[in-house]
Amino acid sequence: MESHVTFLALLTRLWGALSVLVGVSLLFLAAGALAELRSPAPSSLAVAAGVAGITFLLLALCALAWGGVHLWAAGLMDRHRARGRMVMLALGVCNLVLLPFGTALGGYAIWVLMSPGTRRLFEHHVWVEPSE
């Protein structure tokens, strides 16, 4: 089962990296929409640009956070930390609604992380974190 955990961590890193990429592109869209506020334009255009800019900014922050949590969980799973298993199970359930790749990733994560072999793999790191 260790090979499945490694593959799941790789897929989770890919999903997280794609989410971060979406977040960065949304930041650029937000910057473009908010830059429109500085131009001499009718007030209705300024309101629309402001709403679009704020919306893009909020979506960008959500995408960056979503990708960051996936990257963090992948790192924890690589080190066989119980916290990584729990976080990835929670993310897997949330990913089920994100068609099509999120559904496949979520289903695979639940299948891998709920199997008895994987539970044993993560057991020895339940309470003890190594001191650095």
N, C-alpha and C. Protein backbone atom coordinates (compact mmCIF):
# COMPACT_ATOMS: atom_id res chain seq x y z
N MET A 1 0.81 -1.21 0.00
CA MET A 1 0.00 0.00 0.00
C MET A 1 0.85 1.27 0.00
N GLU A 2 2.12 1.11 0.32
CA GLU A 2 2.97 2.30 0.34
C GLU A 2 3.09 2.93 -1.04
N SER A 3 3.07 2.11 -2.08
CA SER A 3 3.15 2.67 -3.44
C SER A 3 1.88 3.46 -3.77
N HIS A 4 0.73 3.02 -3.26
CA HIS A 4 -0.51 3.77 -3.47
C HIS A 4 -0.46 5.11 -2.74
N VAL A 5 0.08 5.12 -1.53
CA VAL A 5 0.20 6.37 -0.77
C VAL A 5 1.14 7.33 -1.49
N THR A 6 2.23 6.82 -2.02
CA THR A 6 3.17 7.67 -2.77
C THR A 6 2.52 8.23 -4.02
N PHE A 7 1.77 7.39 -4.73
CA PHE A 7 1.08 7.85 -5.94
C PHE A 7 -0.01 8.87 -5.58
N LEU A 8 -0.73 8.63 -4.48
CA LEU A 8 -1.75 9.57 -4.03
C LEU A 8 -1.12 10.91 -3.67
N ALA A 9 0.04 10.89 -3.03
CA ALA A 9 0.73 12.14 -2.70
C ALA A 9 1.14 12.88 -3.97
N LEU A 10 1.57 12.15 -4.98
CA LEU A 10 1.93 12.77 -6.26
C LEU A 10 0.71 13.42 -6.91
N LEU A 11 -0.40 12.70 -6.95
CA LEU A 11 -1.63 13.25 -7.53
C LEU A 11 -2.12 14.45 -6.73
N THR A 12 -1.97 14.39 -5.42
CA THR A 12 -2.39 15.51 -4.57
C THR A 12 -1.52 16.73 -4.82
N ARG A 13 -0.22 16.51 -5.02
CA ARG A 13 0.67 17.62 -5.36
C ARG A 13 0.28 18.25 -6.71
N LEU A 14 -0.05 17.41 -7.67
CA LEU A 14 -0.47 17.91 -8.98
C LEU A 14 -1.75 18.73 -8.85
N TRP A 15 -2.71 18.23 -8.12
CA TRP A 15 -3.98 18.94 -7.91
C TRP A 15 -3.74 20.26 -7.17
N GLY A 16 -2.86 20.22 -6.17
CA GLY A 16 -2.54 21.44 -5.44
C GLY A 16 -1.83 22.46 -6.31
N ALA A 17 -0.90 21.99 -7.13
CA ALA A 17 -0.17 22.90 -8.02
C ALA A 17 -1.12 23.53 -9.05
N LEU A 18 -2.05 22.74 -9.56
CA LEU A 18 -3.03 23.30 -10.51
C LEU A 18 -3.93 24.33 -9.83
N SER A 19 -4.29 24.08 -8.59
CA SER A 19 -5.11 25.05 -7.85
C SER A 19 -4.34 26.33 -7.60
N VAL A 20 -3.06 26.21 -7.27
CA VAL A 20 -2.24 27.41 -7.07
C VAL A 20 -2.11 28.17 -8.39
N LEU A 21 -1.95 27.46 -9.50
CA LEU A 21 -1.88 28.12 -10.80
C LEU A 21 -3.17 28.87 -11.12
N VAL A 22 -4.31 28.26 -10.82
CA VAL A 22 -5.59 28.93 -11.02
C VAL A 22 -5.68 30.17 -10.13
N GLY A 23 -5.20 30.04 -8.89
CA GLY A 23 -5.22 31.18 -7.98
C GLY A 23 -4.37 32.33 -8.47
N VAL A 24 -3.19 32.02 -9.00
CA VAL A 24 -2.33 33.08 -9.53
C VAL A 24 -2.96 33.74 -10.75
N SER A 25 -3.57 32.95 -11.62
CA SER A 25 -4.22 33.55 -12.80
C SER A 25 -5.42 34.41 -12.39
N LEU A 26 -6.14 34.00 -11.35
CA LEU A 26 -7.24 34.83 -10.86
C LEU A 26 -6.72 36.12 -10.23
N LEU A 27 -5.55 36.07 -9.61
CA LEU A 27 -4.95 37.30 -9.08
C LEU A 27 -4.66 38.29 -10.20
N PHE A 28 -4.18 37.79 -11.34
CA PHE A 28 -3.93 38.66 -12.48
C PHE A 28 -5.23 39.25 -13.02
N LEU A 29 -6.28 38.43 -13.06
CA LEU A 29 -7.57 38.95 -13.50
C LEU A 29 -8.09 40.01 -12.54
N ALA A 30 -7.91 39.79 -11.25
CA ALA A 30 -8.34 40.78 -10.26
C ALA A 30 -7.56 42.08 -10.44
N ALA A 31 -6.26 41.97 -10.66
CA ALA A 31 -5.44 43.17 -10.87
C ALA A 31 -5.91 43.92 -12.12
N GLY A 32 -6.23 43.21 -13.17
CA GLY A 32 -6.72 43.86 -14.38
C GLY A 32 -8.05 44.54 -14.17
N ALA A 33 -8.95 43.89 -13.47
CA ALA A 33 -10.26 44.50 -13.23
C ALA A 33 -10.14 45.70 -12.31
N LEU A 34 -9.30 45.60 -11.28
CA LEU A 34 -9.14 46.73 -10.37
C LEU A 34 -8.36 47.87 -11.01
N ALA A 35 -7.52 47.57 -11.99
CA ALA A 35 -6.81 48.63 -12.71
C ALA A 35 -7.79 49.47 -13.53
N GLU A 36 -8.89 48.87 -13.92
CA GLU A 36 -9.91 49.61 -14.68
C GLU A 36 -10.52 50.73 -13.83
N LEU A 37 -10.43 50.60 -12.51
CA LEU A 37 -10.97 51.64 -11.64
C LEU A 37 -10.20 52.96 -11.77
N ARG A 38 -8.96 52.89 -12.18
CA ARG A 38 -8.13 54.09 -12.29
C ARG A 38 -8.37 54.86 -13.59
N SER A 39 -9.03 54.24 -14.54
CA SER A 39 -9.25 54.92 -15.81
C SER A 39 -10.47 55.83 -15.71
N PRO A 40 -10.49 56.91 -16.47
CA PRO A 40 -11.67 57.78 -16.46
C PRO A 40 -12.80 57.10 -17.23
N ALA A 41 -13.70 56.50 -16.53
CA ALA A 41 -14.79 55.75 -17.17
C ALA A 41 -16.09 56.10 -16.46
N PRO A 42 -17.20 55.77 -17.09
CA PRO A 42 -18.49 56.01 -16.44
C PRO A 42 -18.58 55.26 -15.11
N SER A 43 -19.39 55.74 -14.22
CA SER A 43 -19.48 55.15 -12.87
C SER A 43 -20.02 53.72 -12.91
N SER A 44 -20.86 53.40 -13.87
CA SER A 44 -21.38 52.03 -13.95
C SER A 44 -20.28 51.05 -14.28
N LEU A 45 -19.34 51.46 -15.13
CA LEU A 45 -18.20 50.60 -15.45
C LEU A 45 -17.29 50.45 -14.23
N ALA A 46 -17.13 51.50 -13.45
CA ALA A 46 -16.30 51.44 -12.25
C ALA A 46 -16.91 50.48 -11.23
N VAL A 47 -18.21 50.51 -11.09
CA VAL A 47 -18.88 49.59 -10.15
C VAL A 47 -18.70 48.14 -10.61
N ALA A 48 -18.89 47.89 -11.89
CA ALA A 48 -18.74 46.54 -12.42
C ALA A 48 -17.29 46.06 -12.29
N ALA A 49 -16.34 46.94 -12.56
CA ALA A 49 -14.93 46.57 -12.42
C ALA A 49 -14.58 46.30 -10.97
N GLY A 50 -15.12 47.07 -10.06
CA GLY A 50 -14.87 46.84 -8.64
C GLY A 50 -15.44 45.52 -8.15
N VAL A 51 -16.67 45.24 -8.56
CA VAL A 51 -17.29 43.97 -8.18
C VAL A 51 -16.52 42.79 -8.77
N ALA A 52 -16.15 42.90 -10.04
CA ALA A 52 -15.40 41.82 -10.68
C ALA A 52 -14.03 41.65 -10.03
N GLY A 53 -13.37 42.76 -9.73
CA GLY A 53 -12.05 42.69 -9.12
C GLY A 53 -12.09 42.04 -7.74
N ILE A 54 -13.04 42.42 -6.93
CA ILE A 54 -13.17 41.83 -5.59
C ILE A 54 -13.54 40.35 -5.68
N THR A 55 -14.43 40.02 -6.62
CA THR A 55 -14.81 38.62 -6.80
C THR A 55 -13.62 37.77 -7.22
N PHE A 56 -12.88 38.26 -8.19
CA PHE A 56 -11.68 37.54 -8.64
C PHE A 56 -10.67 37.40 -7.51
N LEU A 57 -10.51 38.44 -6.71
CA LEU A 57 -9.56 38.40 -5.60
C LEU A 57 -9.97 37.36 -4.57
N LEU A 58 -11.24 37.31 -4.22
CA LEU A 58 -11.71 36.31 -3.26
C LEU A 58 -11.56 34.89 -3.80
N LEU A 59 -11.89 34.70 -5.06
CA LEU A 59 -11.72 33.38 -5.66
C LEU A 59 -10.25 32.98 -5.73
N ALA A 60 -9.38 33.95 -6.00
CA ALA A 60 -7.95 33.68 -6.05
C ALA A 60 -7.43 33.25 -4.68
N LEU A 61 -7.85 33.94 -3.64
CA LEU A 61 -7.41 33.57 -2.29
C LEU A 61 -7.91 32.18 -1.90
N CYS A 62 -9.13 31.86 -2.28
CA CYS A 62 -9.67 30.51 -2.01
C CYS A 62 -8.88 29.45 -2.77
N ALA A 63 -8.58 29.70 -4.03
CA ALA A 63 -7.83 28.73 -4.83
C ALA A 63 -6.41 28.55 -4.30
N LEU A 64 -5.78 29.64 -3.88
CA LEU A 64 -4.44 29.55 -3.32
C LEU A 64 -4.45 28.77 -2.01
N ALA A 65 -5.44 29.01 -1.18
CA ALA A 65 -5.54 28.27 0.09
C ALA A 65 -5.82 26.79 -0.18
N TRP A 66 -6.72 26.51 -1.10
CA TRP A 66 -7.07 25.12 -1.45
C TRP A 66 -5.84 24.38 -1.97
N GLY A 67 -5.10 25.01 -2.85
CA GLY A 67 -3.89 24.38 -3.37
C GLY A 67 -2.82 24.22 -2.30
N GLY A 68 -2.68 25.22 -1.44
CA GLY A 68 -1.70 25.14 -0.37
C GLY A 68 -1.98 24.02 0.60
N VAL A 69 -3.24 23.83 0.94
CA VAL A 69 -3.61 22.74 1.86
C VAL A 69 -3.33 21.38 1.21
N HIS A 70 -3.58 21.26 -0.07
CA HIS A 70 -3.28 20.01 -0.77
C HIS A 70 -1.78 19.73 -0.79
N LEU A 71 -0.98 20.76 -1.05
CA LEU A 71 0.46 20.58 -1.05
C LEU A 71 0.97 20.20 0.35
N TRP A 72 0.42 20.83 1.37
CA TRP A 72 0.79 20.52 2.75
C TRP A 72 0.42 19.08 3.10
N ALA A 73 -0.80 18.66 2.73
CA ALA A 73 -1.24 17.29 3.02
C ALA A 73 -0.38 16.26 2.29
N ALA A 74 0.03 16.57 1.07
CA ALA A 74 0.88 15.64 0.32
C ALA A 74 2.23 15.47 1.02
N GLY A 75 2.77 16.56 1.54
CA GLY A 75 4.02 16.47 2.28
C GLY A 75 3.89 15.64 3.55
N LEU A 76 2.78 15.81 4.25
CA LEU A 76 2.54 15.01 5.46
C LEU A 76 2.35 13.53 5.12
N MET A 77 1.67 13.26 4.02
CA MET A 77 1.47 11.86 3.63
C MET A 77 2.78 11.20 3.24
N ASP A 78 3.67 11.95 2.60
CA ASP A 78 4.98 11.38 2.25
C ASP A 78 5.76 10.96 3.48
N ARG A 79 5.58 11.68 4.58
CA ARG A 79 6.28 11.35 5.82
C ARG A 79 5.46 10.41 6.71
N HIS A 80 4.32 9.93 6.20
CA HIS A 80 3.43 9.00 6.90
C HIS A 80 2.96 9.55 8.24
N ARG A 81 2.54 10.80 8.25
CA ARG A 81 2.00 11.42 9.44
C ARG A 81 0.49 11.16 9.49
N ALA A 82 0.00 10.83 10.67
CA ALA A 82 -1.43 10.56 10.82
C ALA A 82 -2.26 11.80 10.49
N ARG A 83 -1.73 12.96 10.81
CA ARG A 83 -2.44 14.20 10.49
C ARG A 83 -2.63 14.35 8.99
N GLY A 84 -1.63 13.95 8.21
CA GLY A 84 -1.74 14.01 6.76
C GLY A 84 -2.83 13.10 6.24
N ARG A 85 -2.95 11.93 6.86
CA ARG A 85 -4.00 10.99 6.45
C ARG A 85 -5.38 11.58 6.73
N MET A 86 -5.54 12.18 7.92
CA MET A 86 -6.85 12.76 8.27
C MET A 86 -7.18 13.96 7.38
N VAL A 87 -6.20 14.82 7.16
CA VAL A 87 -6.44 15.99 6.30
C VAL A 87 -6.78 15.55 4.89
N MET A 88 -6.06 14.55 4.38
CA MET A 88 -6.33 14.09 3.02
C MET A 88 -7.67 13.40 2.91
N LEU A 89 -8.09 12.70 3.96
CA LEU A 89 -9.43 12.11 3.94
C LEU A 89 -10.50 13.20 3.87
N ALA A 90 -10.32 14.25 4.65
CA ALA A 90 -11.28 15.37 4.61
C ALA A 90 -11.26 16.05 3.24
N LEU A 91 -10.08 16.27 2.70
CA LEU A 91 -9.99 16.87 1.37
C LEU A 91 -10.57 15.94 0.30
N GLY A 92 -10.37 14.64 0.48
CA GLY A 92 -10.92 13.68 -0.48
C GLY A 92 -12.43 13.74 -0.54
N VAL A 93 -13.06 13.87 0.63
CA VAL A 93 -14.53 13.99 0.66
C VAL A 93 -14.96 15.29 -0.03
N CYS A 94 -14.26 16.38 0.24
CA CYS A 94 -14.59 17.66 -0.42
C CYS A 94 -14.33 17.60 -1.92
N ASN A 95 -13.29 16.89 -2.33
CA ASN A 95 -12.94 16.79 -3.74
C ASN A 95 -13.97 16.01 -4.54
N LEU A 96 -14.78 15.21 -3.89
CA LEU A 96 -15.74 14.38 -4.61
C LEU A 96 -16.70 15.20 -5.47
N VAL A 97 -16.96 16.44 -5.09
CA VAL A 97 -17.92 17.26 -5.86
C VAL A 97 -17.26 18.01 -7.01
N LEU A 98 -15.93 17.96 -7.12
CA LEU A 98 -15.22 18.71 -8.16
C LEU A 98 -14.95 17.80 -9.36
N LEU A 99 -15.91 17.79 -10.28
CA LEU A 99 -15.82 16.94 -11.46
C LEU A 99 -14.77 17.46 -12.43
N PRO A 100 -14.11 16.63 -13.16
CA PRO A 100 -14.00 15.19 -13.09
C PRO A 100 -12.80 14.72 -12.25
N PHE A 101 -11.70 15.53 -12.27
CA PHE A 101 -10.48 15.05 -11.62
C PHE A 101 -10.63 14.98 -10.11
N GLY A 102 -11.31 15.94 -9.52
CA GLY A 102 -11.50 15.93 -8.07
C GLY A 102 -12.27 14.71 -7.60
N THR A 103 -13.25 14.29 -8.38
CA THR A 103 -14.02 13.10 -8.02
C THR A 103 -13.13 11.86 -8.04
N ALA A 104 -12.32 11.74 -9.07
CA ALA A 104 -11.41 10.59 -9.15
C ALA A 104 -10.38 10.63 -8.02
N LEU A 105 -9.82 11.80 -7.77
CA LEU A 105 -8.83 11.94 -6.70
C LEU A 105 -9.46 11.66 -5.35
N GLY A 106 -10.65 12.19 -5.11
CA GLY A 106 -11.32 11.96 -3.83
C GLY A 106 -11.66 10.50 -3.61
N GLY A 107 -12.18 9.84 -4.63
CA GLY A 107 -12.50 8.42 -4.51
C GLY A 107 -11.26 7.58 -4.27
N TYR A 108 -10.20 7.89 -5.00
CA TYR A 108 -8.96 7.15 -4.83
C TYR A 108 -8.36 7.40 -3.44
N ALA A 109 -8.42 8.64 -2.99
CA ALA A 109 -7.88 8.97 -1.66
C ALA A 109 -8.64 8.22 -0.57
N ILE A 110 -9.95 8.19 -0.66
CA ILE A 110 -10.74 7.48 0.35
C ILE A 110 -10.43 5.99 0.31
N TRP A 111 -10.35 5.43 -0.89
CA TRP A 111 -10.07 4.00 -1.00
C TRP A 111 -8.70 3.66 -0.44
N VAL A 112 -7.69 4.46 -0.79
CA VAL A 112 -6.33 4.17 -0.32
C VAL A 112 -6.21 4.38 1.18
N LEU A 113 -6.69 5.50 1.67
CA LEU A 113 -6.45 5.87 3.06
C LEU A 113 -7.34 5.12 4.06
N MET A 114 -8.41 4.51 3.59
CA MET A 114 -9.27 3.74 4.50
C MET A 114 -8.93 2.25 4.51
N SER A 115 -8.02 1.82 3.68
CA SER A 115 -7.67 0.40 3.66
C SER A 115 -6.84 0.05 4.90
N PRO A 116 -6.99 -1.19 5.40
CA PRO A 116 -6.28 -1.59 6.63
C PRO A 116 -4.76 -1.49 6.52
N GLY A 117 -4.20 -1.80 5.36
CA GLY A 117 -2.75 -1.71 5.18
C GLY A 117 -2.24 -0.29 5.34
N THR A 118 -2.99 0.65 4.82
CA THR A 118 -2.59 2.05 4.94
C THR A 118 -2.76 2.54 6.37
N ARG A 119 -3.80 2.10 7.05
CA ARG A 119 -3.97 2.48 8.45
C ARG A 119 -2.76 2.06 9.27
N ARG A 120 -2.29 0.84 9.04
CA ARG A 120 -1.10 0.36 9.77
C ARG A 120 0.14 1.18 9.41
N LEU A 121 0.22 1.62 8.17
CA LEU A 121 1.36 2.41 7.72
C LEU A 121 1.43 3.75 8.46
N PHE A 122 0.28 4.31 8.78
CA PHE A 122 0.23 5.61 9.44
C PHE A 122 0.13 5.50 10.97
N GLU A 123 -0.05 4.32 11.52
CA GLU A 123 -0.28 4.17 12.96
C GLU A 123 0.89 4.62 13.81
N HIS A 124 2.11 4.33 13.42
CA HIS A 124 3.24 4.61 14.29
C HIS A 124 3.54 6.10 14.45
N HIS A 125 2.82 6.96 13.72
CA HIS A 125 3.02 8.41 13.85
C HIS A 125 1.79 9.11 14.42
N VAL A 126 0.97 8.40 15.20
CA VAL A 126 -0.28 8.98 15.65
C VAL A 126 -0.03 10.14 16.61
N TRP A 127 0.73 9.94 17.67
CA TRP A 127 0.87 10.98 18.69
C TRP A 127 2.26 11.60 18.74
N VAL A 128 3.25 10.93 18.23
CA VAL A 128 4.61 11.39 18.41
C VAL A 128 5.10 12.07 17.15
N GLU A 129 5.44 13.34 17.26
CA GLU A 129 6.04 14.08 16.16
C GLU A 129 7.53 14.20 16.47
N PRO A 130 8.40 13.99 15.50
CA PRO A 130 9.83 14.09 15.78
C PRO A 130 10.24 15.51 16.11
N SER A 131 11.12 15.65 17.05
CA SER A 131 11.61 16.99 17.42
C SER A 131 12.69 17.41 16.42
N GLU A 132 12.67 18.66 16.09
CA GLU A 132 13.63 19.16 15.10
C GLU A 132 14.56 20.16 15.73
